[in-house]
C-alpha cells in the first residue's frame, strides 16, 4: 500500500491530557516528527459532542487542524466494562462527573462493580487515533486497537494514569500501572494503534 502522505513533518497533537501526551510522545519519537501539543498554539480543547470514540477523535483532530493549519493527530480512548454495558466508554475521563480526577473515577468504577466476581469483571481499553492532513481532509487516517483485561477490586501499582491501577492484564500478571512503561507502550491499546499508524505512514500493511 502507498504511504499516507503528509504535507508537513510538523504536527499538532490534539490533546492537553498529560498522561496521553507522555505516552504519545514516547511512541512517536521513532518517527522523527516534530509533534507539538495544541497548547503550544493556544488551541483550546474541542467540545467532544460525539457519541463514539471515532466521532470524538475526528472532532478533536479537525478542531486542532483548523486552528493551526497543521496536520493534526487526535486520540480518543477509554475503558469499556462488559458488566456495565460498555461504560464508562467515551465518558471515561469524566465518569465521576465534570472535572473528576483519576481517583474519583476509579472509586466510582469500584462502586459500580461492587460484589461482582472476577469472571464478570471483563473489560478492555479502546483507542482510536485520527490523523488529518488538514481540517477538510475527506480521508483521514483512522487506526483503532483494543487491550483486553479485567477490573480488580482494589488498585495496584503507581504508574500510568486513568484506570491503570485497576486494569489487570492476565497474560502479564500485573495491572497496567505495575508494568514497565516501555512494555506498557508496546502492549497497550494506544501502543497498538500507534504501531498501525506508523505502518500506514511507512506504506506497510496495517
Protein backbone atom coordinates (compact mmCIF):
# COMPACT_ATOMS: atom_id res chain seq x y z
CA UNK A 1 0.00 0.00 0.00
CA UNK A 2 1.26 3.56 -0.64
CA UNK A 3 2.27 5.55 2.44
CA UNK A 4 -0.13 8.06 3.94
CA UNK A 5 1.38 11.30 2.62
CA UNK A 6 1.59 14.29 4.94
CA UNK A 7 2.05 17.86 3.70
CA UNK A 8 4.39 18.63 6.60
CA UNK A 9 6.58 16.85 9.15
CA UNK A 10 5.25 19.31 11.72
CA UNK A 11 2.16 18.06 13.55
CA UNK A 12 -0.12 19.21 16.29
CA UNK A 13 -1.29 16.70 18.87
CA UNK A 14 -4.91 17.48 19.66
CA UNK A 15 -4.77 16.87 23.40
CA UNK A 16 -3.73 18.51 26.65
CA UNK A 17 -4.02 15.30 28.72
CA UNK A 18 -0.63 14.92 30.39
CA UNK A 19 -0.76 11.11 30.57
CA UNK A 20 -1.75 10.71 26.93
CA UNK A 21 0.88 13.21 25.80
CA UNK A 22 3.61 11.38 27.69
CA UNK A 23 2.70 8.08 26.04
CA UNK A 24 2.14 9.55 22.57
CA UNK A 25 5.47 11.38 22.59
CA UNK A 26 7.31 8.19 23.58
CA UNK A 27 5.56 6.24 20.84
CA UNK A 28 6.02 8.94 18.17
CA UNK A 29 9.73 9.52 18.88
CA UNK A 30 10.98 6.84 16.42
CA UNK A 31 9.19 8.59 13.55
CA UNK A 32 11.40 11.66 13.88
CA UNK A 33 8.43 14.01 13.59
CA UNK A 34 8.08 17.44 15.10
CA UNK A 35 4.88 16.84 17.07
CA UNK A 36 3.83 19.70 19.34
CA UNK A 37 0.85 19.82 21.66
CA UNK A 38 -2.10 22.05 20.95
CA UNK A 39 -1.49 24.28 23.97
CA UNK A 40 1.72 25.43 22.24
CA UNK A 41 -0.56 27.05 19.65
CA UNK A 42 -3.08 28.36 22.20
CA UNK A 43 -5.66 25.88 20.89
CA UNK A 44 -8.45 25.28 23.45
CA UNK A 45 -9.94 21.84 23.99
CA UNK A 46 -12.61 20.91 21.48
CA UNK A 47 -16.14 20.23 22.71
CA UNK A 48 -16.49 16.45 22.50
CA UNK A 49 -20.07 16.08 21.29
CA UNK A 50 -19.68 12.74 19.52
CA UNK A 51 -21.29 9.51 20.67
CA UNK A 52 -18.33 7.26 19.85
CA UNK A 53 -14.55 7.26 20.13
CA UNK A 54 -14.26 7.73 16.35
CA UNK A 55 -16.57 10.75 16.30
CA UNK A 56 -14.78 12.47 19.16
CA UNK A 57 -11.32 11.81 17.70
CA UNK A 58 -12.45 13.32 14.39
CA UNK A 59 -13.87 16.37 16.17
CA UNK A 60 -10.63 16.95 18.08
CA UNK A 61 -8.35 16.45 15.08
CA UNK A 62 -10.41 18.72 12.82
CA UNK A 63 -10.56 21.41 15.52
CA UNK A 64 -6.76 21.43 16.00
CA UNK A 65 -6.02 21.31 12.26
CA UNK A 66 -8.39 24.18 11.56
CA UNK A 67 -6.87 26.45 14.21
CA UNK A 68 -3.22 25.67 13.46
CA UNK A 69 -3.14 24.91 9.73
CA UNK A 70 -1.07 21.80 10.54
CA UNK A 71 -1.72 18.06 10.25
CA UNK A 72 -3.39 17.02 13.50
CA UNK A 73 -3.30 13.78 15.46
CA UNK A 74 -6.12 13.12 17.91
CA UNK A 75 -6.58 10.27 20.35
CA UNK A 76 -9.91 9.31 21.84
CA UNK A 77 -9.75 6.41 24.20
CA UNK A 78 -11.36 4.94 27.24
CA UNK A 79 -12.40 1.90 29.19
CA UNK A 80 -15.29 -0.43 28.31
CA UNK A 81 -16.57 -2.71 31.07
CA UNK A 82 -18.72 -5.64 29.98
CA UNK A 83 -20.88 -5.74 33.12
CA UNK A 84 -21.67 -2.04 32.66
CA UNK A 85 -22.70 -2.44 29.01
CA UNK A 86 -19.59 -0.65 27.81
CA UNK A 87 -19.45 2.14 30.37
CA UNK A 88 -17.63 4.34 31.15
CA UNK A 89 -16.68 4.34 27.44
CA UNK A 90 -16.42 7.80 25.90
CA UNK A 91 -17.12 9.29 29.34
CA UNK A 92 -14.10 7.56 30.93
CA UNK A 93 -12.30 10.81 31.79
CA UNK A 94 -15.40 12.28 33.43
CA UNK A 95 -17.11 9.15 34.76
CA UNK A 96 -17.43 10.62 38.25
CA UNK A 97 -18.62 13.98 36.87
CA UNK A 98 -17.20 17.05 35.13
CA UNK A 99 -13.67 17.81 36.29
CA UNK A 100 -13.31 14.43 38.02
CA UNK A 101 -9.78 13.19 38.68
CA UNK A 102 -8.46 9.65 38.28
CA UNK A 103 -9.04 8.76 41.93
CA UNK A 104 -12.71 9.79 41.76
CA UNK A 105 -13.28 7.90 38.51
CA UNK A 106 -11.65 4.77 39.90
CA UNK A 107 -13.72 4.98 43.08
CA UNK A 108 -16.94 5.24 41.07
CA UNK A 109 -15.95 2.26 38.94
CA UNK A 110 -15.24 0.13 42.02
CA UNK A 111 -18.59 1.12 43.47
CA UNK A 112 -20.39 0.20 40.24
CA UNK A 113 -18.77 -3.24 40.20
CA UNK A 114 -19.00 -3.95 43.94
CA UNK A 115 -19.72 -7.60 44.68
CA UNK A 116 -19.17 -8.89 41.14
CA UNK A 117 -16.93 -11.98 40.82
CA UNK A 118 -13.78 -11.94 38.67
CA UNK A 119 -15.46 -13.73 35.76
CA UNK A 120 -17.91 -10.82 35.39
CA UNK A 121 -15.28 -8.06 35.55
CA UNK A 122 -14.04 -8.31 31.96
CA UNK A 123 -13.02 -5.02 30.36
CA UNK A 124 -10.90 -3.51 27.64
CA UNK A 125 -9.22 -0.26 26.85
CA UNK A 126 -10.12 1.15 23.44
CA UNK A 127 -8.10 3.67 21.45
CA UNK A 128 -8.96 5.44 18.20
CA UNK A 129 -6.30 7.62 16.57
CA UNK A 130 -7.22 10.04 13.80
CA UNK A 131 -4.61 11.80 11.68
CA UNK A 132 -5.93 14.59 9.47
CA UNK A 133 -3.73 16.29 6.85
CA UNK A 134 -5.88 19.41 7.06
CA UNK A 135 -9.22 20.42 8.56
CA UNK A 136 -11.19 19.48 5.41
CA UNK A 137 -9.39 16.14 4.89
CA UNK A 138 -12.05 13.81 3.38
CA UNK A 139 -9.98 10.65 4.00
CA UNK A 140 -8.26 10.92 7.39
CA UNK A 141 -6.15 8.06 8.63
CA UNK A 142 -8.05 6.19 11.36
CA UNK A 143 -6.39 3.48 13.46
CA UNK A 144 -8.13 1.56 16.25
CA UNK A 145 -6.94 -1.00 18.78
CA UNK A 146 -8.14 -2.66 21.99
CA UNK A 147 -6.37 -4.08 25.06
CA UNK A 148 -8.18 -6.82 26.96
CA UNK A 149 -8.14 -7.23 30.73
CA UNK A 150 -10.32 -7.22 33.82
CA UNK A 151 -11.07 -4.85 36.68
CA UNK A 152 -9.66 -5.65 40.12
CA UNK A 153 -11.41 -4.96 43.41
CA UNK A 154 -8.62 -2.65 44.63
CA UNK A 155 -5.91 -0.60 42.90
CA UNK A 156 -2.37 -1.91 42.41
CA UNK A 157 0.66 0.00 41.17
CA UNK A 158 1.63 3.63 40.89
CA UNK A 159 2.48 4.02 37.19
CA UNK A 160 0.32 5.01 34.23
CA UNK A 161 -2.82 7.06 34.60
CA UNK A 162 -6.60 6.77 34.38
CA UNK A 163 -7.87 3.31 35.31
CA UNK A 164 -4.43 1.66 35.04
CA UNK A 165 -4.22 0.70 38.76
CA UNK A 166 -7.47 -1.31 38.39
CA UNK A 167 -6.85 -2.73 34.90
CA UNK A 168 -5.36 -6.21 35.32
CA UNK A 169 -3.62 -7.76 32.30
CA UNK A 170 -3.90 -11.56 32.73
CA UNK A 171 -1.06 -12.59 30.42
CA UNK A 172 1.30 -10.27 32.31
CA UNK A 173 0.04 -10.99 35.83
CA UNK A 174 0.09 -7.27 36.63
CA UNK A 175 -2.04 -4.19 36.34
CA UNK A 176 -1.25 -1.61 33.67
CA UNK A 177 0.02 0.63 36.49
CA UNK A 178 2.58 -2.03 37.52
CA UNK A 179 4.05 -2.58 34.05
CA UNK A 180 7.34 -1.11 32.90
CA UNK A 181 6.43 1.96 30.80
CA UNK A 182 8.22 0.63 27.70
CA UNK A 183 6.38 -2.70 27.95
CA UNK A 184 3.07 -0.95 28.53
CA UNK A 185 3.63 1.25 25.48
CA UNK A 186 4.17 -1.85 23.36
CA UNK A 187 1.18 -3.82 24.67
CA UNK A 188 -1.40 -1.11 25.24
CA UNK A 189 -4.34 -0.06 23.11
CA UNK A 190 -2.55 3.20 22.36
CA UNK A 191 0.71 1.45 21.51
CA UNK A 192 -1.05 -0.94 19.15
CA UNK A 193 -2.94 1.91 17.45
CA UNK A 194 0.29 3.91 17.05
CA UNK A 195 2.02 0.88 15.53
CA UNK A 196 -0.76 0.70 12.93
CA UNK A 197 -0.50 4.41 12.27
CA UNK A 198 3.28 4.14 11.86
CA UNK A 199 2.85 1.26 9.41
CA UNK A 200 0.42 3.34 7.36
CA UNK A 201 2.82 6.29 7.29
CA UNK A 202 5.58 3.97 6.07
CA UNK A 203 3.38 2.28 3.47
CA UNK A 204 3.37 -1.09 5.23
CA UNK A 205 0.34 -3.34 5.79
CA UNK A 206 -1.71 -2.07 8.73
